[in-house]
Amino acid sequence: MFTFTIKPDGGEPFEIEASTRDILVWEKAGRDRSMSRLVNDMHMADVYQVAHIAARRLQMFTGPLDEFEKTCDLDIRKILTDESDGDDGSDGESDPTQPGP
């Protein structure tokens, strides 16, 4: 789903992956939250919430969200890409159902 590098103040950076479970927890925590809104209309507050949920689940951060926001920078490394595809989500092959150039 999402791969983050967390860079805590005064600490070593670490990498986490937010899974579908983390997205589900985020969606259930508030109104009008959906995966499509997160991806297509991304707000930094939402990104921090998802990263915090994942970091807590993985026991890489134990404090509350406000502490996470105040002490950690985020680097979003991967968003919704399939491992077998390129970074753009395509497999590099042309679509046989579409006419060529």
PDB file of N, CA and C in Angstrom:
ATOM      1  N   MET A   1       0.829  -1.178   0.000  1.00  0.00           N
ATOM      2  CA  MET A   1       0.000   0.000   0.000  1.00  0.00           C
ATOM      3  C   MET A   1       0.880   1.251   0.000  1.00  0.00           C
ATOM      4  N   PHE A   2       1.381   1.630   1.182  1.00  0.00           N
ATOM      5  CA  PHE A   2       2.230   2.818   1.309  1.00  0.00           C
ATOM      6  C   PHE A   2       3.499   2.407   2.034  1.00  0.00           C
ATOM      7  N   THR A   3       4.628   2.839   1.526  1.00  0.00           N
ATOM      8  CA  THR A   3       5.890   2.620   2.220  1.00  0.00           C
ATOM      9  C   THR A   3       6.428   3.977   2.631  1.00  0.00           C
ATOM     10  N   PHE A   4       6.725   4.115   3.912  1.00  0.00           N
ATOM     11  CA  PHE A   4       7.223   5.360   4.477  1.00  0.00           C
ATOM     12  C   PHE A   4       8.613   5.162   5.061  1.00  0.00           C
ATOM     13  N   THR A   5       9.463   6.164   4.921  1.00  0.00           N
ATOM     14  CA  THR A   5      10.669   6.250   5.733  1.00  0.00           C
ATOM     15  C   THR A   5      10.363   7.300   6.788  1.00  0.00           C
ATOM     16  N   ILE A   6      10.443   6.900   8.042  1.00  0.00           N
ATOM     17  CA  ILE A   6      10.187   7.786   9.169  1.00  0.00           C
ATOM     18  C   ILE A   6      11.533   8.307   9.653  1.00  0.00           C
ATOM     19  N   LYS A   7      11.632   9.624   9.779  1.00  0.00           N
ATOM     20  CA  LYS A   7      12.883  10.248  10.218  1.00  0.00           C
ATOM     21  C   LYS A   7      12.629  10.987  11.532  1.00  0.00           C
ATOM     22  N   PRO A   8      12.802  10.290  12.669  1.00  0.00           N
ATOM     23  CA  PRO A   8      12.553  10.929  13.962  1.00  0.00           C
ATOM     24  C   PRO A   8      13.677  11.899  14.326  1.00  0.00           C
ATOM     25  N   ASP A   9      13.310  12.989  14.998  1.00  0.00           N
ATOM     26  CA  ASP A   9      14.318  13.938  15.482  1.00  0.00           C
ATOM     27  C   ASP A   9      15.277  13.196  16.415  1.00  0.00           C
ATOM     28  N   GLY A  10      16.565  13.315  16.149  1.00  0.00           N
ATOM     29  CA  GLY A  10      17.577  12.731  17.018  1.00  0.00           C
ATOM     30  C   GLY A  10      17.654  11.214  16.995  1.00  0.00           C
ATOM     31  N   GLY A  11      17.017  10.593  16.013  1.00  0.00           N
ATOM     32  CA  GLY A  11      17.050   9.132  15.929  1.00  0.00           C
ATOM     33  C   GLY A  11      17.370   8.665  14.527  1.00  0.00           C
ATOM     34  N   GLU A  12      17.544   7.385  14.391  1.00  0.00           N
ATOM     35  CA  GLU A  12      17.844   6.788  13.095  1.00  0.00           C
ATOM     36  C   GLU A  12      16.553   6.615  12.288  1.00  0.00           C
ATOM     37  N   PRO A  13      16.590   6.929  10.999  1.00  0.00           N
ATOM     38  CA  PRO A  13      15.416   6.697  10.152  1.00  0.00           C
ATOM     39  C   PRO A  13      15.078   5.208  10.095  1.00  0.00           C
ATOM     40  N   PHE A  14      13.794   4.922   9.929  1.00  0.00           N
ATOM     41  CA  PHE A  14      13.352   3.541   9.764  1.00  0.00           C
ATOM     42  C   PHE A  14      12.221   3.509   8.757  1.00  0.00           C
ATOM     43  N   GLU A  15      12.034   2.352   8.150  1.00  0.00           N
ATOM     44  CA  GLU A  15      11.030   2.203   7.099  1.00  0.00           C
ATOM     45  C   GLU A  15       9.880   1.342   7.602  1.00  0.00           C
ATOM     46  N   ILE A  16       8.663   1.748   7.244  1.00  0.00           N
ATOM     47  CA  ILE A  16       7.476   0.975   7.576  1.00  0.00           C
ATOM     48  C   ILE A  16       6.589   0.876   6.342  1.00  0.00           C
ATOM     49  N   GLU A  17       5.737  -0.128   6.347  1.00  0.00           N
ATOM     50  CA  GLU A  17       4.754  -0.255   5.280  1.00  0.00           C
ATOM     51  C   GLU A  17       3.369  -0.234   5.899  1.00  0.00           C
ATOM     52  N   ALA A  18       2.545   0.699   5.455  1.00  0.00           N
ATOM     53  CA  ALA A  18       1.150   0.757   5.888  1.00  0.00           C
ATOM     54  C   ALA A  18       0.365  -0.222   5.021  1.00  0.00           C
ATOM     55  N   SER A  19      -0.343  -1.110   5.677  1.00  0.00           N
ATOM     56  CA  SER A  19      -1.091  -2.141   4.956  1.00  0.00           C
ATOM     57  C   SER A  19      -2.575  -1.782   4.898  1.00  0.00           C
ATOM     58  N   THR A  20      -3.346  -2.662   4.310  1.00  0.00           N
ATOM     59  CA  THR A  20      -4.782  -2.446   4.222  1.00  0.00           C
ATOM     60  C   THR A  20      -5.405  -2.352   5.606  1.00  0.00           C
ATOM     61  N   ARG A  21      -4.846  -3.063   6.578  1.00  0.00           N
ATOM     62  CA  ARG A  21      -5.377  -2.986   7.947  1.00  0.00           C
ATOM     63  C   ARG A  21      -5.234  -1.587   8.506  1.00  0.00           C
ATOM     64  N   ASP A  22      -4.109  -0.939   8.219  1.00  0.00           N
ATOM     65  CA  ASP A  22      -3.881   0.424   8.705  1.00  0.00           C
ATOM     66  C   ASP A  22      -4.840   1.406   8.035  1.00  0.00           C
ATOM     67  N   ILE A  23      -5.069   1.224   6.743  1.00  0.00           N
ATOM     68  CA  ILE A  23      -6.010   2.081   6.017  1.00  0.00           C
ATOM     69  C   ILE A  23      -7.413   1.891   6.587  1.00  0.00           C
ATOM     70  N   LEU A  24      -7.788   0.660   6.884  1.00  0.00           N
ATOM     71  CA  LEU A  24      -9.102   0.374   7.456  1.00  0.00           C
ATOM     72  C   LEU A  24      -9.279   1.078   8.807  1.00  0.00           C
ATOM     73  N   VAL A  25      -8.276   1.011   9.668  1.00  0.00           N
ATOM     74  CA  VAL A  25      -8.333   1.696  10.961  1.00  0.00           C
ATOM     75  C   VAL A  25      -8.511   3.195  10.747  1.00  0.00           C
ATOM     76  N   TRP A  26      -7.754   3.764   9.806  1.00  0.00           N
ATOM     77  CA  TRP A  26      -7.864   5.193   9.497  1.00  0.00           C
ATOM     78  C   TRP A  26      -9.267   5.534   9.004  1.00  0.00           C
ATOM     79  N   GLU A  27      -9.824   4.723   8.080  1.00  0.00           N
ATOM     80  CA  GLU A  27     -11.160   4.981   7.546  1.00  0.00           C
ATOM     81  C   GLU A  27     -12.206   4.973   8.653  1.00  0.00           C
ATOM     82  N   LYS A  28     -12.111   4.018   9.574  1.00  0.00           N
ATOM     83  CA  LYS A  28     -13.095   3.883  10.643  1.00  0.00           C
ATOM     84  C   LYS A  28     -12.988   4.991  11.692  1.00  0.00           C
ATOM     85  N   ALA A  29     -11.885   5.710  11.721  1.00  0.00           N
ATOM     86  CA  ALA A  29     -11.644   6.725  12.748  1.00  0.00           C
ATOM     87  C   ALA A  29     -12.334   8.059  12.463  1.00  0.00           C
ATOM     88  N   GLY A  30     -12.903   8.238  11.295  1.00  0.00           N
ATOM     89  CA  GLY A  30     -13.534   9.523  10.988  1.00  0.00           C
ATOM     90  C   GLY A  30     -14.542   9.411   9.862  1.00  0.00           C
ATOM     91  N   ARG A  31     -15.289  10.464   9.681  1.00  0.00           N
ATOM     92  CA  ARG A  31     -16.300  10.504   8.623  1.00  0.00           C
ATOM     93  C   ARG A  31     -15.663  10.861   7.286  1.00  0.00           C
ATOM     94  N   ASP A  32     -16.321  10.425   6.235  1.00  0.00           N
ATOM     95  CA  ASP A  32     -15.919  10.766   4.861  1.00  0.00           C
ATOM     96  C   ASP A  32     -14.485  10.368   4.536  1.00  0.00           C
ATOM     97  N   ARG A  33     -14.034   9.271   5.084  1.00  0.00           N
ATOM     98  CA  ARG A  33     -12.684   8.769   4.777  1.00  0.00           C
ATOM     99  C   ARG A  33     -12.822   7.558   3.877  1.00  0.00           C
ATOM    100  N   SER A  34     -12.022   7.548   2.831  1.00  0.00           N
ATOM    101  CA  SER A  34     -12.015   6.399   1.930  1.00  0.00           C
ATOM    102  C   SER A  34     -10.636   6.276   1.307  1.00  0.00           C
ATOM    103  N   MET A  35     -10.344   5.089   0.844  1.00  0.00           N
ATOM    104  CA  MET A  35      -9.066   4.829   0.176  1.00  0.00           C
ATOM    105  C   MET A  35      -8.924   5.725  -1.045  1.00  0.00           C
ATOM    106  N   SER A  36      -9.980   5.872  -1.823  1.00  0.00           N
ATOM    107  CA  SER A  36      -9.880   6.689  -3.035  1.00  0.00           C
ATOM    108  C   SER A  36      -9.615   8.155  -2.688  1.00  0.00           C
ATOM    109  N   ARG A  37     -10.243   8.665  -1.628  1.00  0.00           N
ATOM    110  CA  ARG A  37      -9.977  10.053  -1.227  1.00  0.00           C
ATOM    111  C   ARG A  37      -8.538  10.197  -0.741  1.00  0.00           C
ATOM    112  N   LEU A  38      -8.061   9.213  -0.004  1.00  0.00           N
ATOM    113  CA  LEU A  38      -6.684   9.266   0.492  1.00  0.00           C
ATOM    114  C   LEU A  38      -5.691   9.332  -0.657  1.00  0.00           C
ATOM    115  N   VAL A  39      -5.910   8.534  -1.678  1.00  0.00           N
ATOM    116  CA  VAL A  39      -4.982   8.475  -2.803  1.00  0.00           C
ATOM    117  C   VAL A  39      -5.132   9.670  -3.749  1.00  0.00           C
ATOM    118  N   ASN A  40      -6.383  10.056  -4.040  1.00  0.00           N
ATOM    119  CA  ASN A  40      -6.626  11.081  -5.048  1.00  0.00           C
ATOM    120  C   ASN A  40      -6.662  12.510  -4.517  1.00  0.00           C
ATOM    121  N   ASP A  41      -6.865  12.665  -3.218  1.00  0.00           N
ATOM    122  CA  ASP A  41      -6.921  13.995  -2.615  1.00  0.00           C
ATOM    123  C   ASP A  41      -6.164  13.956  -1.286  1.00  0.00           C
ATOM    124  N   MET A  42      -4.889  13.600  -1.386  1.00  0.00           N
ATOM    125  CA  MET A  42      -4.068  13.346  -0.213  1.00  0.00           C
ATOM    126  C   MET A  42      -3.786  14.620   0.577  1.00  0.00           C
ATOM    127  N   HIS A  43      -4.052  14.544   1.869  1.00  0.00           N
ATOM    128  CA  HIS A  43      -3.735  15.627   2.796  1.00  0.00           C
ATOM    129  C   HIS A  43      -2.639  15.137   3.733  1.00  0.00           C
ATOM    130  N   MET A  44      -1.706  16.002   4.070  1.00  0.00           N
ATOM    131  CA  MET A  44      -0.600  15.593   4.910  1.00  0.00           C
ATOM    132  C   MET A  44      -1.079  15.082   6.264  1.00  0.00           C
ATOM    133  N   ALA A  45      -2.129  15.667   6.822  1.00  0.00           N
ATOM    134  CA  ALA A  45      -2.658  15.194   8.108  1.00  0.00           C
ATOM    135  C   ALA A  45      -3.101  13.730   8.000  1.00  0.00           C
ATOM    136  N   ASP A  46      -3.724  13.368   6.875  1.00  0.00           N
ATOM    137  CA  ASP A  46      -4.141  11.986   6.668  1.00  0.00           C
ATOM    138  C   ASP A  46      -2.935  11.062   6.542  1.00  0.00           C
ATOM    139  N   VAL A  47      -1.923  11.508   5.829  1.00  0.00           N
ATOM    140  CA  VAL A  47      -0.712  10.710   5.639  1.00  0.00           C
ATOM    141  C   VAL A  47      -0.043  10.440   6.990  1.00  0.00           C
ATOM    142  N   TYR A  48       0.059  11.477   7.816  1.00  0.00           N
ATOM    143  CA  TYR A  48       0.646  11.298   9.146  1.00  0.00           C
ATOM    144  C   TYR A  48      -0.183  10.328   9.988  1.00  0.00           C
ATOM    145  N   GLN A  49      -1.502  10.411   9.893  1.00  0.00           N
ATOM    146  CA  GLN A  49      -2.349   9.503  10.666  1.00  0.00           C
ATOM    147  C   GLN A  49      -2.135   8.054  10.236  1.00  0.00           C
ATOM    148  N   VAL A  50      -2.095   7.808   8.937  1.00  0.00           N
ATOM    149  CA  VAL A  50      -1.880   6.447   8.436  1.00  0.00           C
ATOM    150  C   VAL A  50      -0.497   5.944   8.848  1.00  0.00           C
ATOM    151  N   ALA A  51       0.519   6.781   8.702  1.00  0.00           N
ATOM    152  CA  ALA A  51       1.880   6.376   9.088  1.00  0.00           C
ATOM    153  C   ALA A  51       1.952   6.085  10.582  1.00  0.00           C
ATOM    154  N   HIS A  52       1.288   6.898  11.387  1.00  0.00           N
ATOM    155  CA  HIS A  52       1.287   6.690  12.836  1.00  0.00           C
ATOM    156  C   HIS A  52       0.607   5.369  13.192  1.00  0.00           C
ATOM    157  N   ILE A  53      -0.528   5.095  12.569  1.00  0.00           N
ATOM    158  CA  ILE A  53      -1.235   3.828  12.807  1.00  0.00           C
ATOM    159  C   ILE A  53      -0.327   2.644  12.484  1.00  0.00           C
ATOM    160  N   ALA A  54       0.346   2.714  11.339  1.00  0.00           N
ATOM    161  CA  ALA A  54       1.244   1.624  10.930  1.00  0.00           C
ATOM    162  C   ALA A  54       2.442   1.506  11.865  1.00  0.00           C
ATOM    163  N   ALA A  55       3.043   2.626  12.236  1.00  0.00           N
ATOM    164  CA  ALA A  55       4.214   2.599  13.121  1.00  0.00           C
ATOM    165  C   ALA A  55       3.852   2.010  14.485  1.00  0.00           C
ATOM    166  N   ARG A  56       2.679   2.333  14.985  1.00  0.00           N
ATOM    167  CA  ARG A  56       2.242   1.762  16.273  1.00  0.00           C
ATOM    168  C   ARG A  56       1.976   0.262  16.134  1.00  0.00           C
ATOM    169  N   ARG A  57       1.310  -0.134  15.039  1.00  0.00           N
ATOM    170  CA  ARG A  57       1.037  -1.563  14.838  1.00  0.00           C
ATOM    171  C   ARG A  57       2.331  -2.361  14.780  1.00  0.00           C
ATOM    172  N   LEU A  58       3.330  -1.798  14.135  1.00  0.00           N
ATOM    173  CA  LEU A  58       4.626  -2.473  13.993  1.00  0.00           C
ATOM    174  C   LEU A  58       5.546  -2.269  15.200  1.00  0.00           C
ATOM    175  N   GLN A  59       5.056  -1.553  16.198  1.00  0.00           N
ATOM    176  CA  GLN A  59       5.775  -1.270  17.436  1.00  0.00           C
ATOM    177  C   GLN A  59       7.088  -0.531  17.188  1.00  0.00           C
ATOM    178  N   MET A  60       7.053   0.353  16.183  1.00  0.00           N
ATOM    179  CA  MET A  60       8.222   1.176  15.868  1.00  0.00           C
ATOM    180  C   MET A  60       8.103   2.564  16.491  1.00  0.00           C
ATOM    181  N   PHE A  61       6.889   2.922  16.936  1.00  0.00           N
ATOM    182  CA  PHE A  61       6.634   4.193  17.611  1.00  0.00           C
ATOM    183  C   PHE A  61       5.508   3.943  18.590  1.00  0.00           C
ATOM    184  N   THR A  62       5.680   4.387  19.836  1.00  0.00           N
ATOM    185  CA  THR A  62       4.681   4.081  20.859  1.00  0.00           C
ATOM    186  C   THR A  62       3.912   5.289  21.360  1.00  0.00           C
ATOM    187  N   GLY A  63       4.310   6.486  20.959  1.00  0.00           N
ATOM    188  CA  GLY A  63       3.667   7.693  21.455  1.00  0.00           C
ATOM    189  C   GLY A  63       2.399   8.052  20.719  1.00  0.00           C
ATOM    190  N   PRO A  64       1.729   9.120  21.188  1.00  0.00           N
ATOM    191  CA  PRO A  64       0.498   9.575  20.546  1.00  0.00           C
ATOM    192  C   PRO A  64       0.764  10.285  19.215  1.00  0.00           C
ATOM    193  N   LEU A  65      -0.288  10.485  18.451  1.00  0.00           N
ATOM    194  CA  LEU A  65      -0.186  11.111  17.131  1.00  0.00           C
ATOM    195  C   LEU A  65       0.454  12.486  17.198  1.00  0.00           C
ATOM    196  N   ASP A  66       0.062  13.325  18.166  1.00  0.00           N
ATOM    197  CA  ASP A  66       0.619  14.683  18.209  1.00  0.00           C
ATOM    198  C   ASP A  66       2.127  14.664  18.422  1.00  0.00           C
ATOM    199  N   GLU A  67       2.633  13.719  19.192  1.00  0.00           N
ATOM    200  CA  GLU A  67       4.086  13.583  19.378  1.00  0.00           C
ATOM    201  C   GLU A  67       4.747  13.123  18.074  1.00  0.00           C
ATOM    202  N   PHE A  68       4.102  12.180  17.389  1.00  0.00           N
ATOM    203  CA  PHE A  68       4.602  11.684  16.105  1.00  0.00           C
ATOM    204  C   PHE A  68       4.716  12.832  15.112  1.00  0.00           C
ATOM    205  N   GLU A  69       3.676  13.670  15.044  1.00  0.00           N
ATOM    206  CA  GLU A  69       3.668  14.805  14.122  1.00  0.00           C
ATOM    207  C   GLU A  69       4.763  15.821  14.466  1.00  0.00           C
ATOM    208  N   LYS A  70       5.006  16.039  15.739  1.00  0.00           N
ATOM    209  CA  LYS A  70       5.976  17.046  16.169  1.00  0.00           C
ATOM    210  C   LYS A  70       7.421  16.585  16.060  1.00  0.00           C
ATOM    211  N   THR A  71       7.647  15.268  16.064  1.00  0.00           N
ATOM    212  CA  THR A  71       9.026  14.778  16.138  1.00  0.00           C
ATOM    213  C   THR A  71       9.497  13.968  14.940  1.00  0.00           C
ATOM    214  N   CYS A  72       8.615  13.723  13.974  1.00  0.00           N
ATOM    215  CA  CYS A  72       8.999  12.862  12.851  1.00  0.00           C
ATOM    216  C   CYS A  72       8.695  13.512  11.503  1.00  0.00           C
ATOM    217  N   ASP A  73       9.650  13.388  10.584  1.00  0.00           N
ATOM    218  CA  ASP A  73       9.418  13.739   9.184  1.00  0.00           C
ATOM    219  C   ASP A  73       9.116  12.452   8.432  1.00  0.00           C
ATOM    220  N   LEU A  74       8.335  12.565   7.368  1.00  0.00           N
ATOM    221  CA  LEU A  74       7.964  11.402   6.565  1.00  0.00           C
ATOM    222  C   LEU A  74       8.484  11.542   5.150  1.00  0.00           C
ATOM    223  N   ASP A  75       8.914  10.428   4.612  1.00  0.00           N
ATOM    224  CA  ASP A  75       9.258  10.330   3.199  1.00  0.00           C
ATOM    225  C   ASP A  75       8.394   9.208   2.640  1.00  0.00           C
ATOM    226  N   ILE A  76       7.467   9.566   1.761  1.00  0.00           N
ATOM    227  CA  ILE A  76       6.591   8.558   1.158  1.00  0.00           C
ATOM    228  C   ILE A  76       7.331   7.958  -0.018  1.00  0.00           C
ATOM    229  N   ARG A  77       7.675   6.689   0.091  1.00  0.00           N
ATOM    230  CA  ARG A  77       8.516   6.041  -0.913  1.00  0.00           C
ATOM    231  C   ARG A  77       7.713   5.302  -1.974  1.00  0.00           C
ATOM    232  N   LYS A  78       6.572   4.764  -1.611  1.00  0.00           N
ATOM    233  CA  LYS A  78       5.810   3.988  -2.577  1.00  0.00           C
ATOM    234  C   LYS A  78       4.336   4.097  -2.233  1.00  0.00           C
ATOM    235  N   ILE A  79       3.532   4.333  -3.252  1.00  0.00           N
ATOM    236  CA  ILE A  79       2.090   4.413  -3.051  1.00  0.00           C
ATOM    237  C   ILE A  79       1.397   3.496  -4.037  1.00  0.00           C
ATOM    238  N   LEU A  80       0.721   2.492  -3.533  1.00  0.00           N
ATOM    239  CA  LEU A  80      -0.140   1.631  -4.339  1.00  0.00           C
ATOM    240  C   LEU A  80       0.483   1.124  -5.626  1.00  0.00           C
ATOM    241  N   THR A  81       1.683   0.624  -5.574  1.00  0.00           N
ATOM    242  CA  THR A  81       2.272   0.034  -6.776  1.00  0.00           C
ATOM    243  C   THR A  81       2.374  -1.460  -6.592  1.00  0.00           C
ATOM    244  N   ASP A  82       2.160  -2.170  -7.657  1.00  0.00           N
ATOM    245  CA  ASP A  82       2.292  -3.618  -7.656  1.00  0.00           C
ATOM    246  C   ASP A  82       3.769  -3.946  -7.768  1.00  0.00           C
ATOM    247  N   GLU A  83       4.217  -4.911  -6.989  1.00  0.00           N
ATOM    248  CA  GLU A  83       5.635  -5.286  -6.981  1.00  0.00           C
ATOM    249  C   GLU A  83       6.144  -5.677  -8.366  1.00  0.00           C
ATOM    250  N   SER A  84       5.289  -6.277  -9.201  1.00  0.00           N
ATOM    251  CA  SER A  84       5.730  -6.757 -10.505  1.00  0.00           C
ATOM    252  C   SER A  84       5.719  -5.683 -11.580  1.00  0.00           C
ATOM    253  N   ASP A  85       5.087  -4.564 -11.307  1.00  0.00           N
ATOM    254  CA  ASP A  85       4.982  -3.505 -12.297  1.00  0.00           C
ATOM    255  C   ASP A  85       6.081  -2.477 -12.103  1.00  0.00           C
ATOM    256  N   GLY A  86       6.175  -1.559 -13.068  1.00  0.00           N
ATOM    257  CA  GLY A  86       7.084  -0.432 -12.922  1.00  0.00           C
ATOM    258  C   GLY A  86       6.508   0.558 -11.926  1.00  0.00           C
ATOM    259  N   ASP A  87       7.244   1.582 -11.597  1.00  0.00           N
ATOM    260  CA  ASP A  87       6.801   2.575 -10.624  1.00  0.00           C
ATOM    261  C   ASP A  87       5.554   3.315 -11.054  1.00  0.00           C
ATOM    262  N   ASP A  88       5.294   3.364 -12.372  1.00  0.00           N
ATOM    263  CA  ASP A  88       4.119   4.086 -12.844  1.00  0.00           C
ATOM    264  C   ASP A  88       2.854   3.235 -12.826  1.00  0.00           C
ATOM    265  N   GLY A  89       2.962   1.991 -12.377  1.00  0.00           N
ATOM    266  CA  GLY A  89       1.805   1.121 -12.310  1.00  0.00           C
ATOM    267  C   GLY A  89       1.538   0.373 -13.599  1.00  0.00           C
ATOM    268  N   SER A  90       2.281   0.656 -14.659  1.00  0.00           N
ATOM    269  CA  SER A  90       2.077  -0.070 -15.909  1.00  0.00           C
ATOM    270  C   SER A  90       3.095  -1.199 -16.005  1.00  0.00           C
ATOM    271  N   ASP A  91       2.798  -2.178 -16.842  1.00  0.00           N
ATOM    272  CA  ASP A  91       3.728  -3.289 -16.994  1.00  0.00           C
ATOM    273  C   ASP A  91       4.692  -3.087 -18.156  1.00  0.00           C
ATOM    274  N   GLY A  92       4.625  -1.923 -18.770  1.00  0.00           N
ATOM    275  CA  GLY A  92       5.561  -1.594 -19.839  1.00  0.00           C
ATOM    276  C   GLY A  92       5.162  -2.104 -21.200  1.00  0.00           C
ATOM    277  N   GLU A  93       4.086  -2.894 -21.276  1.00  0.00           N
ATOM    278  CA  GLU A  93       3.632  -3.424 -22.552  1.00  0.00           C
ATOM    279  C   GLU A  93       2.479  -2.587 -23.077  1.00  0.00           C
ATOM    280  N   SER A  94       2.333  -2.561 -24.410  1.00  0.00           N
ATOM    281  CA  SER A  94       1.230  -1.814 -24.999  1.00  0.00           C
ATOM    282  C   SER A  94      -0.066  -2.576 -24.803  1.00  0.00           C
ATOM    283  N   ASP A  95      -1.164  -1.873 -24.889  1.00  0.00           N
ATOM    284  CA  ASP A  95      -2.491  -2.465 -24.729  1.00  0.00           C
ATOM    285  C   ASP A  95      -2.950  -2.973 -26.089  1.00  0.00           C
ATOM    286  N   PRO A  96      -3.141  -4.305 -26.236  1.00  0.00           N
ATOM    287  CA  PRO A  96      -3.520  -4.845 -27.546  1.00  0.00           C
ATOM    288  C   PRO A  96      -4.911  -4.429 -27.978  1.00  0.00           C
ATOM    289  N   THR A  97      -5.727  -3.914 -27.067  1.00  0.00           N
ATOM    290  CA  THR A  97      -7.082  -3.494 -27.438  1.00  0.00           C
ATOM    291  C   THR A  97      -7.103  -2.080 -27.986  1.00  0.00           C
ATOM    292  N   GLN A  98      -5.982  -1.371 -27.897  1.00  0.00           N
ATOM    293  CA  GLN A  98      -5.906   0.007 -28.381  1.00  0.00           C
ATOM    294  C   GLN A  98      -5.075   0.046 -29.658  1.00  0.00           C
ATOM    295  N   PRO A  99      -5.458   0.915 -30.604  1.00  0.00           N
ATOM    296  CA  PRO A  99      -4.672   1.024 -31.842  1.00  0.00           C
ATOM    297  C   PRO A  99      -3.280   1.583 -31.555  1.00  0.00           C
ATOM    298  N   GLY A 100      -2.315   1.191 -32.342  1.00  0.00           N
ATOM    299  CA  GLY A 100      -0.942   1.707 -32.218  1.00  0.00           C
ATOM    300  C   GLY A 100      -0.865   3.155 -32.658  1.00  0.00           C
ATOM    301  N   PRO A 101       0.303   3.760 -32.493  1.00  0.00           N
ATOM    302  CA  PRO A 101       0.470   5.175 -32.875  1.00  0.00           C
ATOM    303  C   PRO A 101       0.342   5.397 -34.361  1.00  0.00           C
TER     304      PRO A 101
END
